[in-house]
Amino acid sequence: MRHSVLKHPFEWDRNILRLLKAKRRQQRAAIEKKWRCAGNAADLEQLDTFHRAIRPYLCLAQVFGMMPLANVLSRSPHLVQFQLRSYATCLSGVFLLLGGVKTMRLATKLIQGGLNAKSMVSVVFFTSGMVICVSFISLARGWSRLIVPWTGIDIIMLFPPYAKMKYSLRRKLLIAGCSLGCLTLIEHWLYYASSYSNFRIQIMRCQPNVTLIPFKEYMLKEFADIFELVPYNSIFIFYAFFLNGTFTFICNFMDTFIILISLGLSQRFQQMATRVLDAVERYVPDAEWHEIRMHHILLCELMDLVEANMSNIVLISCLSNIYFICNKLLTIFTKLHYPINYAYYWYSLLYLLSRTCAVFICASKINEASLLPLRALSMVPSDHWTEEVQRFSHQLGSQYIGLSGLGLFHLTRRSLFGMMTTLVYYEFMLLQLDAKNNKDDLASICG
């Protein structure tokens, strides 16, 4: 009996040793797979990395003169680099040149016709498109320095002990990008439907003798700044539509890109929070807390890289969205002639507001996910509160993590509420100033 009592602790120790050896084998296998993925593009392609998820949008951006990168479809992020002498860079230069000519023509007609809020919209729209395009070219120059360390962090966090997310990053980005793309196409189609309907009904009412309304007349009026310089033919018709569509895409892609970046970062910070929460519920040695803290430092360094490259784009996005929202609100009490005009106006306004809110909400998830580990550490028992845990707690509470507009403001829910409050105040001012105009009749369409 005594012999059996003495034997049990040794058997228990042997079981622990076997479990520890099995755990170390699993850890070595995971480390080997990480290194294999880092050096083998075929293995890397199987992982749900941000590089793999963002590639389709980089290809689409190149079609419209943005993100001039070489080897965008490469499986290895090391090969995706900015090259000055490339077709993508030449295409970006062509778009900047064509956009510059268009902007100069609109600015000239604006000066000749007189400055007002309505006529300035087109100039601001194309000018902001030019600035956005230049900003993304600048981002492309530093893209390799951003995506390579990002992929390195992805390789670490796509294996245990980090938990697998319910939805893959690629699926999230696909849903977000396709949804915003479809909504943008609907808005673009409603713009032309509203514009052509106005022109068609104006001709029918003001010129009763006209039975056939040629499409050429609409084009000469809609793109007067272009066809005053070049002859009317199929090539320049395509150029006119494509240039307008390109700048519409550029302005919408800017917000979409911020949303995609935010989704990628927030998912990694969410995985970090999940691991910390799991560690709180059990005894964790200092070595593991040190590893968690080092991985968090890597995430913070990645966040600093994104902030350094994206803060100017965030600022431009917020300024342009606020301007166009205010411009839309300026005419909210203007009576329109036809149902299609109301459909375009309200859809455009609501879509712009929704897109702006989506940018703030998705970006705010980065900061919210980064604060979750700090709340989890408050549940660590006092007898497990080691020096390494203390360092990690201080690290979490000593810095702000999130996107900002050149450090002037941060993309948080509080900032969104502040912006919406300002817009509501602006709307009440318009309500008082335009109370008389709201009672006026419609302006004559033949005037």
Foldseek 3Di string as FASTA:
>chain_A
DVVVVVVVVVVVVVVVVVVVVVVVVVVVVLVVLLVCLLVPLVSVCPALALLNQCLVVCVVQLVLLFLQWPPSVGSHLLRTAHDCPDPSNVNNVVLLVVLVLVLVLLVVVPVVVDDDLVSCPVNVLSVLLNVLRVLRSLLSNCVSVQRNLSSSLSSVQRDPPFDDDPDGLNVVLVVLVVVLVVLLVVLVVLVVVVLVVLVVVLCCVQPVVDDDDDPVVSCCVVPVSQCVVPPDDPVVVCVVVVSVVSSSCSLSVLLSVLLSVLSNLLVSLLRLLVVLLVCLVDQDDLVVLVVSLVSVVSSQVSLVVCQVSCQQSVQSNVVVLLSVLLSLLLCPLPDDDDPSVVVSSVSVNVSSLVSVVSSLDSQQSNQVSLCSSLVSLVSRDPVRCDPSSVVSNCVSPVDGGTHHNVPPDGSYVVVVVVSVVVVVVSSVVSCVVCVVVSPDDHDDSND
